[in-house]
Amino acid sequence: MKKLAVLLIVFCVSFSFAQEKDNKVKLEKKGDVTEATFYYDNGEIDQQGFFKDGKLHGTWTSYNLTGEKIAVGNYEAGEKVGKWIFKTNDVLKEVDYSNDQIEKVNSWSRDAVIASQNE
């Protein structure tokens, strides 16, 4: 749980940092939502998702500097909902949210997955 808290803090800080930093941002209106794409200085996508009525809404995806997907989840009216997936090093975490609150956490390490595949 401690690792999850650190991971979530890192994700939130990186999101805030991406907004404050002078990175390239592409905004595209699509019906009643606006698609936002934030880029790292190297041109790779940092984060991609949607805003509705000025709030985070729909699927948001985060990537690392090399373009590897590291987080994906959904917002509804600015609140985290449903399943979120976080990937760090060799650990995959699935976090279930309800009304912006963590309901359940599952975690898998690469070693555990490999071990179960070899059984």
PDB file of N, CA and C in Angstrom:
ATOM      1  N   MET A   1       0.831  -1.192   0.000  1.00  0.00           N
ATOM      2  CA  MET A   1       0.000   0.000   0.000  1.00  0.00           C
ATOM      3  C   MET A   1       0.875   1.255   0.000  1.00  0.00           C
ATOM      4  N   LYS A   2       2.022   1.171   0.700  1.00  0.00           N
ATOM      5  CA  LYS A   2       2.923   2.309   0.761  1.00  0.00           C
ATOM      6  C   LYS A   2       3.461   2.637  -0.631  1.00  0.00           C
ATOM      7  N   LYS A   3       3.798   1.570  -1.395  1.00  0.00           N
ATOM      8  CA  LYS A   3       4.290   1.781  -2.755  1.00  0.00           C
ATOM      9  C   LYS A   3       3.210   2.411  -3.624  1.00  0.00           C
ATOM     10  N   LEU A   4       1.962   2.002  -3.423  1.00  0.00           N
ATOM     11  CA  LEU A   4       0.860   2.561  -4.196  1.00  0.00           C
ATOM     12  C   LEU A   4       0.713   4.050  -3.909  1.00  0.00           C
ATOM     13  N   ALA A   5       0.798   4.415  -2.645  1.00  0.00           N
ATOM     14  CA  ALA A   5       0.679   5.823  -2.279  1.00  0.00           C
ATOM     15  C   ALA A   5       1.782   6.633  -2.946  1.00  0.00           C
ATOM     16  N   VAL A   6       2.996   6.111  -2.940  1.00  0.00           N
ATOM     17  CA  VAL A   6       4.116   6.800  -3.589  1.00  0.00           C
ATOM     18  C   VAL A   6       3.856   6.909  -5.085  1.00  0.00           C
ATOM     19  N   LEU A   7       3.386   5.822  -5.689  1.00  0.00           N
ATOM     20  CA  LEU A   7       3.092   5.813  -7.115  1.00  0.00           C
ATOM     21  C   LEU A   7       2.030   6.852  -7.468  1.00  0.00           C
ATOM     22  N   LEU A   8       0.981   6.917  -6.682  1.00  0.00           N
ATOM     23  CA  LEU A   8      -0.086   7.875  -6.951  1.00  0.00           C
ATOM     24  C   LEU A   8       0.403   9.308  -6.787  1.00  0.00           C
ATOM     25  N   ILE A   9       1.239   9.537  -5.797  1.00  0.00           N
ATOM     26  CA  ILE A   9       1.805  10.875  -5.601  1.00  0.00           C
ATOM     27  C   ILE A   9       2.663  11.254  -6.798  1.00  0.00           C
ATOM     28  N   VAL A  10       3.507  10.312  -7.250  1.00  0.00           N
ATOM     29  CA  VAL A  10       4.357  10.577  -8.415  1.00  0.00           C
ATOM     30  C   VAL A  10       3.494  10.897  -9.629  1.00  0.00           C
ATOM     31  N   PHE A  11       2.420  10.126  -9.828  1.00  0.00           N
ATOM     32  CA  PHE A  11       1.535  10.364 -10.969  1.00  0.00           C
ATOM     33  C   PHE A  11       0.905  11.750 -10.884  1.00  0.00           C
ATOM     34  N   CYS A  12       0.395  12.116  -9.720  1.00  0.00           N
ATOM     35  CA  CYS A  12      -0.242  13.422  -9.554  1.00  0.00           C
ATOM     36  C   CYS A  12       0.752  14.556  -9.736  1.00  0.00           C
ATOM     37  N   VAL A  13       1.953  14.390  -9.169  1.00  0.00           N
ATOM     38  CA  VAL A  13       2.984  15.415  -9.302  1.00  0.00           C
ATOM     39  C   VAL A  13       3.391  15.557 -10.758  1.00  0.00           C
ATOM     40  N   SER A  14       3.553  14.421 -11.447  1.00  0.00           N
ATOM     41  CA  SER A  14       3.951  14.503 -12.850  1.00  0.00           C
ATOM     42  C   SER A  14       2.868  15.187 -13.672  1.00  0.00           C
ATOM     43  N   PHE A  15       1.590  14.946 -13.330  1.00  0.00           N
ATOM     44  CA  PHE A  15       0.505  15.609 -14.044  1.00  0.00           C
ATOM     45  C   PHE A  15       0.549  17.108 -13.788  1.00  0.00           C
ATOM     46  N   SER A  16       0.734  17.516 -12.545  1.00  0.00           N
ATOM     47  CA  SER A  16       0.815  18.933 -12.209  1.00  0.00           C
ATOM     48  C   SER A  16       2.019  19.571 -12.875  1.00  0.00           C
ATOM     49  N   PHE A  17       3.153  18.868 -12.831  1.00  0.00           N
ATOM     50  CA  PHE A  17       4.384  19.382 -13.424  1.00  0.00           C
ATOM     51  C   PHE A  17       4.208  19.554 -14.926  1.00  0.00           C
ATOM     52  N   ALA A  18       3.546  18.603 -15.561  1.00  0.00           N
ATOM     53  CA  ALA A  18       3.331  18.687 -17.007  1.00  0.00           C
ATOM     54  C   ALA A  18       2.499  19.916 -17.354  1.00  0.00           C
ATOM     55  N   GLN A  19       1.556  20.274 -16.491  1.00  0.00           N
ATOM     56  CA  GLN A  19       0.728  21.432 -16.772  1.00  0.00           C
ATOM     57  C   GLN A  19       1.494  22.731 -16.538  1.00  0.00           C
ATOM     58  N   GLU A  20       2.380  22.767 -15.554  1.00  0.00           N
ATOM     59  CA  GLU A  20       3.102  23.983 -15.228  1.00  0.00           C
ATOM     60  C   GLU A  20       4.313  24.194 -16.129  1.00  0.00           C
ATOM     61  N   LYS A  21       4.905  23.117 -16.601  1.00  0.00           N
ATOM     62  CA  LYS A  21       6.088  23.201 -17.426  1.00  0.00           C
ATOM     63  C   LYS A  21       5.710  23.763 -18.790  1.00  0.00           C
ATOM     64  N   ASP A  22       6.670  24.325 -19.488  1.00  0.00           N
ATOM     65  CA  ASP A  22       6.417  24.931 -20.781  1.00  0.00           C
ATOM     66  C   ASP A  22       6.451  23.880 -21.891  1.00  0.00           C
ATOM     67  N   ASN A  23       5.838  22.724 -21.663  1.00  0.00           N
ATOM     68  CA  ASN A  23       5.775  21.673 -22.678  1.00  0.00           C
ATOM     69  C   ASN A  23       4.759  22.057 -23.742  1.00  0.00           C
ATOM     70  N   LYS A  24       4.897  21.410 -24.885  1.00  0.00           N
ATOM     71  CA  LYS A  24       3.935  21.634 -25.954  1.00  0.00           C
ATOM     72  C   LYS A  24       2.614  20.973 -25.576  1.00  0.00           C
ATOM     73  N   VAL A  25       1.538  21.673 -25.870  1.00  0.00           N
ATOM     74  CA  VAL A  25       0.202  21.157 -25.587  1.00  0.00           C
ATOM     75  C   VAL A  25      -0.638  21.318 -26.847  1.00  0.00           C
ATOM     76  N   LYS A  26      -1.342  20.263 -27.200  1.00  0.00           N
ATOM     77  CA  LYS A  26      -2.253  20.315 -28.347  1.00  0.00           C
ATOM     78  C   LYS A  26      -3.665  20.114 -27.812  1.00  0.00           C
ATOM     79  N   LEU A  27      -4.557  21.043 -28.125  1.00  0.00           N
ATOM     80  CA  LEU A  27      -5.954  20.953 -27.712  1.00  0.00           C
ATOM     81  C   LEU A  27      -6.824  20.867 -28.961  1.00  0.00           C
ATOM     82  N   GLU A  28      -7.760  19.924 -28.955  1.00  0.00           N
ATOM     83  CA  GLU A  28      -8.640  19.753 -30.107  1.00  0.00           C
ATOM     84  C   GLU A  28     -10.068  19.515 -29.622  1.00  0.00           C
ATOM     85  N   LYS A  29     -10.965  20.393 -30.019  1.00  0.00           N
ATOM     86  CA  LYS A  29     -12.378  20.286 -29.633  1.00  0.00           C
ATOM     87  C   LYS A  29     -13.022  19.151 -30.418  1.00  0.00           C
ATOM     88  N   LYS A  30     -13.690  18.242 -29.693  1.00  0.00           N
ATOM     89  CA  LYS A  30     -14.385  17.109 -30.310  1.00  0.00           C
ATOM     90  C   LYS A  30     -15.770  17.009 -29.688  1.00  0.00           C
ATOM     91  N   GLY A  31     -16.727  17.665 -30.308  1.00  0.00           N
ATOM     92  CA  GLY A  31     -18.083  17.676 -29.757  1.00  0.00           C
ATOM     93  C   GLY A  31     -18.126  18.439 -28.450  1.00  0.00           C
ATOM     94  N   ASP A  32     -18.598  17.787 -27.381  1.00  0.00           N
ATOM     95  CA  ASP A  32     -18.707  18.458 -26.087  1.00  0.00           C
ATOM     96  C   ASP A  32     -17.472  18.261 -25.210  1.00  0.00           C
ATOM     97  N   VAL A  33     -16.421  17.633 -25.757  1.00  0.00           N
ATOM     98  CA  VAL A  33     -15.174  17.445 -25.008  1.00  0.00           C
ATOM     99  C   VAL A  33     -14.009  18.063 -25.773  1.00  0.00           C
ATOM    100  N   THR A  34     -12.921  18.302 -25.046  1.00  0.00           N
ATOM    101  CA  THR A  34     -11.689  18.784 -25.653  1.00  0.00           C
ATOM    102  C   THR A  34     -10.604  17.756 -25.391  1.00  0.00           C
ATOM    103  N   GLU A  35      -9.986  17.266 -26.465  1.00  0.00           N
ATOM    104  CA  GLU A  35      -8.875  16.323 -26.312  1.00  0.00           C
ATOM    105  C   GLU A  35      -7.600  17.120 -26.073  1.00  0.00           C
ATOM    106  N   ALA A  36      -6.866  16.735 -25.042  1.00  0.00           N
ATOM    107  CA  ALA A  36      -5.612  17.404 -24.694  1.00  0.00           C
ATOM    108  C   ALA A  36      -4.466  16.410 -24.811  1.00  0.00           C
ATOM    109  N   THR A  37      -3.396  16.851 -25.462  1.00  0.00           N
ATOM    110  CA  THR A  37      -2.191  16.037 -25.564  1.00  0.00           C
ATOM    111  C   THR A  37      -1.024  16.889 -25.094  1.00  0.00           C
ATOM    112  N   PHE A  38      -0.328  16.413 -24.060  1.00  0.00           N
ATOM    113  CA  PHE A  38       0.842  17.089 -23.514  1.00  0.00           C
ATOM    114  C   PHE A  38       2.077  16.339 -23.996  1.00  0.00           C
ATOM    115  N   TYR A  39       3.102  17.091 -24.403  1.00  0.00           N
ATOM    116  CA  TYR A  39       4.310  16.482 -24.947  1.00  0.00           C
ATOM    117  C   TYR A  39       5.525  16.780 -24.077  1.00  0.00           C
ATOM    118  N   TYR A  40       6.431  15.799 -23.995  1.00  0.00           N
ATOM    119  CA  TYR A  40       7.738  16.027 -23.393  1.00  0.00           C
ATOM    120  C   TYR A  40       8.563  16.894 -24.340  1.00  0.00           C
ATOM    121  N   ASP A  41       9.658  17.437 -23.828  1.00  0.00           N
ATOM    122  CA  ASP A  41      10.552  18.242 -24.657  1.00  0.00           C
ATOM    123  C   ASP A  41      11.127  17.449 -25.826  1.00  0.00           C
ATOM    124  N   ASN A  42      11.235  16.118 -25.673  1.00  0.00           N
ATOM    125  CA  ASN A  42      11.791  15.292 -26.749  1.00  0.00           C
ATOM    126  C   ASN A  42      10.756  14.958 -27.827  1.00  0.00           C
ATOM    127  N   GLY A  43       9.528  15.469 -27.694  1.00  0.00           N
ATOM    128  CA  GLY A  43       8.491  15.249 -28.690  1.00  0.00           C
ATOM    129  C   GLY A  43       7.572  14.074 -28.401  1.00  0.00           C
ATOM    130  N   GLU A  44       7.948  13.216 -27.447  1.00  0.00           N
ATOM    131  CA  GLU A  44       7.093  12.081 -27.075  1.00  0.00           C
ATOM    132  C   GLU A  44       5.880  12.589 -26.292  1.00  0.00           C
ATOM    133  N   ILE A  45       4.781  11.852 -26.402  1.00  0.00           N
ATOM    134  CA  ILE A  45       3.573  12.217 -25.649  1.00  0.00           C
ATOM    135  C   ILE A  45       3.791  11.939 -24.165  1.00  0.00           C
ATOM    136  N   ASP A  46       3.468  12.918 -23.338  1.00  0.00           N
ATOM    137  CA  ASP A  46       3.533  12.795 -21.884  1.00  0.00           C
ATOM    138  C   ASP A  46       2.188  12.270 -21.371  1.00  0.00           C
ATOM    139  N   GLN A  47       1.113  12.970 -21.707  1.00  0.00           N
ATOM    140  CA  GLN A  47      -0.234  12.577 -21.280  1.00  0.00           C
ATOM    141  C   GLN A  47      -1.233  12.921 -22.368  1.00  0.00           C
ATOM    142  N   GLN A  48      -2.298  12.138 -22.392  1.00  0.00           N
ATOM    143  CA  GLN A  48      -3.343  12.378 -23.373  1.00  0.00           C
ATOM    144  C   GLN A  48      -4.684  12.040 -22.739  1.00  0.00           C
ATOM    145  N   GLY A  49      -5.652  12.937 -22.922  1.00  0.00           N
ATOM    146  CA  GLY A  49      -6.965  12.692 -22.356  1.00  0.00           C
ATOM    147  C   GLY A  49      -7.946  13.772 -22.746  1.00  0.00           C
ATOM    148  N   PHE A  50      -9.040  13.843 -22.006  1.00  0.00           N
ATOM    149  CA  PHE A  50     -10.132  14.742 -22.365  1.00  0.00           C
ATOM    150  C   PHE A  50     -10.552  15.624 -21.195  1.00  0.00           C
ATOM    151  N   PHE A  51     -11.082  16.788 -21.553  1.00  0.00           N
ATOM    152  CA  PHE A  51     -11.711  17.701 -20.611  1.00  0.00           C
ATOM    153  C   PHE A  51     -13.157  17.898 -21.048  1.00  0.00           C
ATOM    154  N   LYS A  52     -14.035  18.003 -20.070  1.00  0.00           N
ATOM    155  CA  LYS A  52     -15.433  18.334 -20.342  1.00  0.00           C
ATOM    156  C   LYS A  52     -15.867  19.331 -19.280  1.00  0.00           C
ATOM    157  N   ASP A  53     -16.381  20.451 -19.714  1.00  0.00           N
ATOM    158  CA  ASP A  53     -16.794  21.519 -18.795  1.00  0.00           C
ATOM    159  C   ASP A  53     -15.645  21.927 -17.874  1.00  0.00           C
ATOM    160  N   GLY A  54     -14.426  21.932 -18.411  1.00  0.00           N
ATOM    161  CA  GLY A  54     -13.253  22.366 -17.652  1.00  0.00           C
ATOM    162  C   GLY A  54     -12.710  21.344 -16.666  1.00  0.00           C
ATOM    163  N   LYS A  55     -13.251  20.122 -16.680  1.00  0.00           N
ATOM    164  CA  LYS A  55     -12.804  19.080 -15.749  1.00  0.00           C
ATOM    165  C   LYS A  55     -12.286  17.875 -16.521  1.00  0.00           C
ATOM    166  N   LEU A  56     -11.342  17.148 -15.902  1.00  0.00           N
ATOM    167  CA  LEU A  56     -10.854  15.915 -16.504  1.00  0.00           C
ATOM    168  C   LEU A  56     -12.030  14.970 -16.696  1.00  0.00           C
ATOM    169  N   HIS A  57     -12.086  14.341 -17.887  1.00  0.00           N
ATOM    170  CA  HIS A  57     -13.241  13.497 -18.186  1.00  0.00           C
ATOM    171  C   HIS A  57     -12.853  12.441 -19.210  1.00  0.00           C
ATOM    172  N   GLY A  58     -13.282  11.224 -18.991  1.00  0.00           N
ATOM    173  CA  GLY A  58     -12.972  10.154 -19.934  1.00  0.00           C
ATOM    174  C   GLY A  58     -11.607   9.537 -19.658  1.00  0.00           C
ATOM    175  N   THR A  59     -11.084   8.859 -20.660  1.00  0.00           N
ATOM    176  CA  THR A  59      -9.824   8.127 -20.503  1.00  0.00           C
ATOM    177  C   THR A  59      -8.621   9.062 -20.572  1.00  0.00           C
ATOM    178  N   TRP A  60      -7.714   8.897 -19.603  1.00  0.00           N
ATOM    179  CA  TRP A  60      -6.433   9.606 -19.592  1.00  0.00           C
ATOM    180  C   TRP A  60      -5.328   8.566 -19.601  1.00  0.00           C
ATOM    181  N   THR A  61      -4.312   8.819 -20.414  1.00  0.00           N
ATOM    182  CA  THR A  61      -3.180   7.910 -20.540  1.00  0.00           C
ATOM    183  C   THR A  61      -1.896   8.694 -20.340  1.00  0.00           C
ATOM    184  N   SER A  62      -0.972   8.133 -19.558  1.00  0.00           N
ATOM    185  CA  SER A  62       0.341   8.743 -19.333  1.00  0.00           C
ATOM    186  C   SER A  62       1.421   7.838 -19.893  1.00  0.00           C
ATOM    187  N   TYR A  63       2.479   8.463 -20.396  1.00  0.00           N
ATOM    188  CA  TYR A  63       3.596   7.743 -21.001  1.00  0.00           C
ATOM    189  C   TYR A  63       4.903   8.215 -20.374  1.00  0.00           C
ATOM    190  N   ASN A  64       5.934   7.367 -20.445  1.00  0.00           N
ATOM    191  CA  ASN A  64       7.246   7.816 -19.985  1.00  0.00           C
ATOM    192  C   ASN A  64       7.973   8.503 -21.141  1.00  0.00           C
ATOM    193  N   LEU A  65       9.200   8.932 -20.902  1.00  0.00           N
ATOM    194  CA  LEU A  65       9.966   9.682 -21.903  1.00  0.00           C
ATOM    195  C   LEU A  65      10.241   8.905 -23.181  1.00  0.00           C
ATOM    196  N   THR A  66      10.195   7.574 -23.107  1.00  0.00           N
ATOM    197  CA  THR A  66      10.465   6.768 -24.297  1.00  0.00           C
ATOM    198  C   THR A  66       9.181   6.342 -25.008  1.00  0.00           C
ATOM    199  N   GLY A  67       8.034   6.812 -24.536  1.00  0.00           N
ATOM    200  CA  GLY A  67       6.771   6.516 -25.192  1.00  0.00           C
ATOM    201  C   GLY A  67       6.054   5.286 -24.676  1.00  0.00           C
ATOM    202  N   GLU A  68       6.589   4.670 -23.621  1.00  0.00           N
ATOM    203  CA  GLU A  68       5.949   3.489 -23.046  1.00  0.00           C
ATOM    204  C   GLU A  68       4.784   3.918 -22.150  1.00  0.00           C
ATOM    205  N   LYS A  69       3.645   3.249 -22.299  1.00  0.00           N
ATOM    206  CA  LYS A  69       2.462   3.563 -21.494  1.00  0.00           C
ATOM    207  C   LYS A  69       2.729   3.181 -20.040  1.00  0.00           C
ATOM    208  N   ILE A  70       2.517   4.132 -19.110  1.00  0.00           N
ATOM    209  CA  ILE A  70       2.773   3.857 -17.694  1.00  0.00           C
ATOM    210  C   ILE A  70       1.523   3.986 -16.825  1.00  0.00           C
ATOM    211  N   ALA A  71       0.471   4.591 -17.349  1.00  0.00           N
ATOM    212  CA  ALA A  71      -0.768   4.705 -16.569  1.00  0.00           C
ATOM    213  C   ALA A  71      -1.932   4.957 -17.515  1.00  0.00           C
ATOM    214  N   VAL A  72      -3.061   4.357 -17.173  1.00  0.00           N
ATOM    215  CA  VAL A  72      -4.289   4.626 -17.926  1.00  0.00           C
ATOM    216  C   VAL A  72      -5.466   4.492 -16.962  1.00  0.00           C
ATOM    217  N   GLY A  73      -6.393   5.432 -17.077  1.00  0.00           N
ATOM    218  CA  GLY A  73      -7.552   5.406 -16.203  1.00  0.00           C
ATOM    219  C   GLY A  73      -8.616   6.362 -16.689  1.00  0.00           C
ATOM    220  N   ASN A  74      -9.707   6.412 -15.967  1.00  0.00           N
ATOM    221  CA  ASN A  74     -10.846   7.234 -16.373  1.00  0.00           C
ATOM    222  C   ASN A  74     -11.236   8.247 -15.308  1.00  0.00           C
ATOM    223  N   TYR A  75     -11.681   9.388 -15.808  1.00  0.00           N
ATOM    224  CA  TYR A  75     -12.236  10.441 -14.965  1.00  0.00           C
ATOM    225  C   TYR A  75     -13.688  10.652 -15.352  1.00  0.00           C
ATOM    226  N   GLU A  76     -14.478  11.039 -14.383  1.00  0.00           N
ATOM    227  CA  GLU A  76     -15.851  11.459 -14.614  1.00  0.00           C
ATOM    228  C   GLU A  76     -16.045  12.759 -13.854  1.00  0.00           C
ATOM    229  N   ALA A  77     -16.234  13.842 -14.583  1.00  0.00           N
ATOM    230  CA  ALA A  77     -16.426  15.165 -13.973  1.00  0.00           C
ATOM    231  C   ALA A  77     -15.305  15.503 -12.987  1.00  0.00           C
ATOM    232  N   GLY A  78     -14.063  15.170 -13.365  1.00  0.00           N
ATOM    233  CA  GLY A  78     -12.907  15.522 -12.546  1.00  0.00           C
ATOM    234  C   GLY A  78     -12.546  14.522 -11.469  1.00  0.00           C
ATOM    235  N   GLU A  79     -13.309  13.438 -11.325  1.00  0.00           N
ATOM    236  CA  GLU A  79     -13.028  12.428 -10.300  1.00  0.00           C
ATOM    237  C   GLU A  79     -12.596  11.116 -10.934  1.00  0.00           C
ATOM    238  N   LYS A  80     -11.621  10.450 -10.305  1.00  0.00           N
ATOM    239  CA  LYS A  80     -11.166   9.146 -10.782  1.00  0.00           C
ATOM    240  C   LYS A  80     -12.264   8.116 -10.545  1.00  0.00           C
ATOM    241  N   VAL A  81     -12.529   7.305 -11.583  1.00  0.00           N
ATOM    242  CA  VAL A  81     -13.546   6.257 -11.480  1.00  0.00           C
ATOM    243  C   VAL A  81     -13.057   5.002 -12.188  1.00  0.00           C
ATOM    244  N   GLY A  82     -13.582   3.868 -11.759  1.00  0.00           N
ATOM    245  CA  GLY A  82     -13.286   2.611 -12.437  1.00  0.00           C
ATOM    246  C   GLY A  82     -11.870   2.115 -12.227  1.00  0.00           C
ATOM    247  N   LYS A  83     -11.434   1.261 -13.145  1.00  0.00           N
ATOM    248  CA  LYS A  83     -10.109   0.648 -13.052  1.00  0.00           C
ATOM    249  C   LYS A  83      -9.037   1.565 -13.619  1.00  0.00           C
ATOM    250  N   TRP A  84      -7.974   1.730 -12.865  1.00  0.00           N
ATOM    251  CA  TRP A  84      -6.780   2.442 -13.311  1.00  0.00           C
ATOM    252  C   TRP A  84      -5.642   1.438 -13.310  1.00  0.00           C
ATOM    253  N   ILE A  85      -4.787   1.525 -14.297  1.00  0.00           N
ATOM    254  CA  ILE A  85      -3.628   0.644 -14.402  1.00  0.00           C
ATOM    255  C   ILE A  85      -2.376   1.509 -14.328  1.00  0.00           C
ATOM    256  N   PHE A  86      -1.443   1.130 -13.440  1.00  0.00           N
ATOM    257  CA  PHE A  86      -0.168   1.819 -13.283  1.00  0.00           C
ATOM    258  C   PHE A  86       0.958   0.817 -13.492  1.00  0.00           C
ATOM    259  N   LYS A  87       1.951   1.192 -14.285  1.00  0.00           N
ATOM    260  CA  LYS A  87       3.088   0.309 -14.524  1.00  0.00           C
ATOM    261  C   LYS A  87       4.361   1.035 -14.115  1.00  0.00           C
ATOM    262  N   THR A  88       5.121   0.410 -13.215  1.00  0.00           N
ATOM    263  CA  THR A  88       6.420   0.938 -12.823  1.00  0.00           C
ATOM    264  C   THR A  88       7.404  -0.211 -12.787  1.00  0.00           C
ATOM    265  N   ASN A  89       8.513  -0.052 -13.465  1.00  0.00           N
ATOM    266  CA  ASN A  89       9.534  -1.096 -13.534  1.00  0.00           C
ATOM    267  C   ASN A  89       8.884  -2.441 -13.837  1.00  0.00           C
ATOM    268  N   ASP A  90       8.954  -3.383 -12.918  1.00  0.00           N
ATOM    269  CA  ASP A  90       8.399  -4.713 -13.143  1.00  0.00           C
ATOM    270  C   ASP A  90       7.122  -4.961 -12.351  1.00  0.00           C
ATOM    271  N   VAL A  91       6.430  -3.896 -11.966  1.00  0.00           N
ATOM    272  CA  VAL A  91       5.205  -4.035 -11.175  1.00  0.00           C
ATOM    273  C   VAL A  91       4.029  -3.418 -11.934  1.00  0.00           C
ATOM    274  N   LEU A  92       2.943  -4.152 -11.969  1.00  0.00           N
ATOM    275  CA  LEU A  92       1.706  -3.677 -12.571  1.00  0.00           C
ATOM    276  C   LEU A  92       0.671  -3.582 -11.459  1.00  0.00           C
ATOM    277  N   LYS A  93       0.040  -2.416 -11.330  1.00  0.00           N
ATOM    278  CA  LYS A  93      -0.975  -2.222 -10.296  1.00  0.00           C
ATOM    279  C   LYS A  93      -2.302  -1.887 -10.957  1.00  0.00           C
ATOM    280  N   GLU A  94      -3.350  -2.510 -10.440  1.00  0.00           N
ATOM    281  CA  GLU A  94      -4.709  -2.225 -10.873  1.00  0.00           C
ATOM    282  C   GLU A  94      -5.421  -1.625  -9.665  1.00  0.00           C
ATOM    283  N   VAL A  95      -5.889  -0.407  -9.826  1.00  0.00           N
ATOM    284  CA  VAL A  95      -6.542   0.303  -8.726  1.00  0.00           C
ATOM    285  C   VAL A  95      -7.980   0.592  -9.136  1.00  0.00           C
ATOM    286  N   ASP A  96      -8.926   0.159  -8.314  1.00  0.00           N
ATOM    287  CA  ASP A  96     -10.340   0.435  -8.562  1.00  0.00           C
ATOM    288  C   ASP A  96     -10.747   1.675  -7.772  1.00  0.00           C
ATOM    289  N   TYR A  97     -11.321   2.642  -8.483  1.00  0.00           N
ATOM    290  CA  TYR A  97     -11.780   3.884  -7.864  1.00  0.00           C
ATOM    291  C   TYR A  97     -13.298   3.974  -7.914  1.00  0.00           C
ATOM    292  N   SER A  98     -13.856   4.588  -6.893  1.00  0.00           N
ATOM    293  CA  SER A  98     -15.265   4.933  -6.864  1.00  0.00           C
ATOM    294  C   SER A  98     -15.375   6.302  -6.205  1.00  0.00           C
ATOM    295  N   ASN A  99     -15.952   7.251  -6.905  1.00  0.00           N
ATOM    296  CA  ASN A  99     -16.081   8.620  -6.385  1.00  0.00           C
ATOM    297  C   ASN A  99     -14.745   9.187  -5.928  1.00  0.00           C
ATOM    298  N   ASP A 100     -13.710   8.978  -6.727  1.00  0.00           N
ATOM    299  CA  ASP A 100     -12.371   9.519  -6.477  1.00  0.00           C
ATOM    300  C   ASP A 100     -11.688   8.898  -5.254  1.00  0.00           C
ATOM    301  N   GLN A 101     -12.211   7.773  -4.763  1.00  0.00           N
ATOM    302  CA  GLN A 101     -11.638   7.077  -3.610  1.00  0.00           C
ATOM    303  C   GLN A 101     -11.191   5.678  -4.026  1.00  0.00           C
ATOM    304  N   ILE A 102     -10.057   5.236  -3.486  1.00  0.00           N
ATOM    305  CA  ILE A 102      -9.563   3.897  -3.784  1.00  0.00           C
ATOM    306  C   ILE A 102     -10.450   2.866  -3.097  1.00  0.00           C
ATOM    307  N   GLU A 103     -10.964   1.923  -3.883  1.00  0.00           N
ATOM    308  CA  GLU A 103     -11.803   0.844  -3.365  1.00  0.00           C
ATOM    309  C   GLU A 103     -11.016  -0.456  -3.222  1.00  0.00           C
ATOM    310  N   LYS A 104     -10.122  -0.718  -4.174  1.00  0.00           N
ATOM    311  CA  LYS A 104      -9.415  -1.993  -4.205  1.00  0.00           C
ATOM    312  C   LYS A 104      -8.119  -1.825  -4.989  1.00  0.00           C
ATOM    313  N   VAL A 105      -7.075  -2.569  -4.567  1.00  0.00           N
ATOM    314  CA  VAL A 105      -5.786  -2.533  -5.256  1.00  0.00           C
ATOM    315  C   VAL A 105      -5.300  -3.954  -5.482  1.00  0.00           C
ATOM    316  N   ASN A 106      -4.915  -4.256  -6.709  1.00  0.00           N
ATOM    317  CA  ASN A 106      -4.255  -5.519  -7.040  1.00  0.00           C
ATOM    318  C   ASN A 106      -2.888  -5.175  -7.599  1.00  0.00           C
ATOM    319  N   SER A 107      -1.913  -6.001  -7.278  1.00  0.00           N
ATOM    320  CA  SER A 107      -0.550  -5.744  -7.723  1.00  0.00           C
ATOM    321  C   SER A 107       0.087  -7.035  -8.194  1.00  0.00           C
ATOM    322  N   TRP A 108       0.798  -6.958  -9.306  1.00  0.00           N
ATOM    323  CA  TRP A 108       1.513  -8.114  -9.834  1.00  0.00           C
ATOM    324  C   TRP A 108       2.932  -7.703 -10.164  1.00  0.00           C
ATOM    325  N   SER A 109       3.876  -8.573  -9.807  1.00  0.00           N
ATOM    326  CA  SER A 109       5.262  -8.320 -10.201  1.00  0.00           C
ATOM    327  C   SER A 109       5.580  -9.218 -11.380  1.00  0.00           C
ATOM    328  N   ARG A 110       6.555  -8.825 -12.152  1.00  0.00           N
ATOM    329  CA  ARG A 110       6.945  -9.603 -13.319  1.00  0.00           C
ATOM    330  C   ARG A 110       7.353 -11.016 -12.905  1.00  0.00           C
ATOM    331  N   ASP A 111       8.082 -11.145 -11.796  1.00  0.00           N
ATOM    332  CA  ASP A 111       8.521 -12.455 -11.316  1.00  0.00           C
ATOM    333  C   ASP A 111       7.330 -13.358 -11.019  1.00  0.00           C
ATOM    334  N   ALA A 112       6.296 -12.811 -10.407  1.00  0.00           N
ATOM    335  CA  ALA A 112       5.114 -13.607 -10.064  1.00  0.00           C
ATOM    336  C   ALA A 112       4.400 -14.086 -11.321  1.00  0.00           C
ATOM    337  N   VAL A 113       4.315 -13.229 -12.315  1.00  0.00           N
ATOM    338  CA  VAL A 113       3.653 -13.604 -13.563  1.00  0.00           C
ATOM    339  C   VAL A 113       4.450 -14.694 -14.267  1.00  0.00           C
ATOM    340  N   ILE A 114       5.758 -14.528 -14.325  1.00  0.00           N
ATOM    341  CA  ILE A 114       6.608 -15.537 -14.962  1.00  0.00           C
ATOM    342  C   ILE A 114       6.494 -16.860 -14.225  1.00  0.00           C
ATOM    343  N   ALA A 115       6.496 -16.813 -12.893  1.00  0.00           N
ATOM    344  CA  ALA A 115       6.397 -18.037 -12.100  1.00  0.00           C
ATOM    345  C   ALA A 115       5.073 -18.741 -12.367  1.00  0.00           C
ATOM    346  N   SER A 116       3.992 -17.993 -12.458  1.00  0.00           N
ATOM    347  CA  SER A 116       2.698 -18.633 -12.686  1.00  0.00           C
ATOM    348  C   SER A 116       2.590 -19.183 -14.102  1.00  0.00           C
ATOM    349  N   GLN A 117       3.278 -18.582 -15.046  1.00  0.00           N
ATOM    350  CA  GLN A 117       3.246 -19.079 -16.416  1.00  0.00           C
ATOM    351  C   GLN A 117       4.040 -20.369 -16.568  1.00  0.00           C
ATOM    352  N   ASN A 118       5.029 -20.584 -15.705  1.00  0.00           N
ATOM    353  CA  ASN A 118       5.886 -21.765 -15.797  1.00  0.00           C
ATOM    354  C   ASN A 118       5.349 -22.948 -15.016  1.00  0.00           C
ATOM    355  N   GLU A 119       4.287 -22.784 -14.293  1.00  0.00           N
ATOM    356  CA  GLU A 119       3.749 -23.872 -13.472  1.00  0.00           C
ATOM    357  C   GLU A 119       3.012 -24.882 -14.312  1.00  0.00           C
TER     358      GLU A 119
END
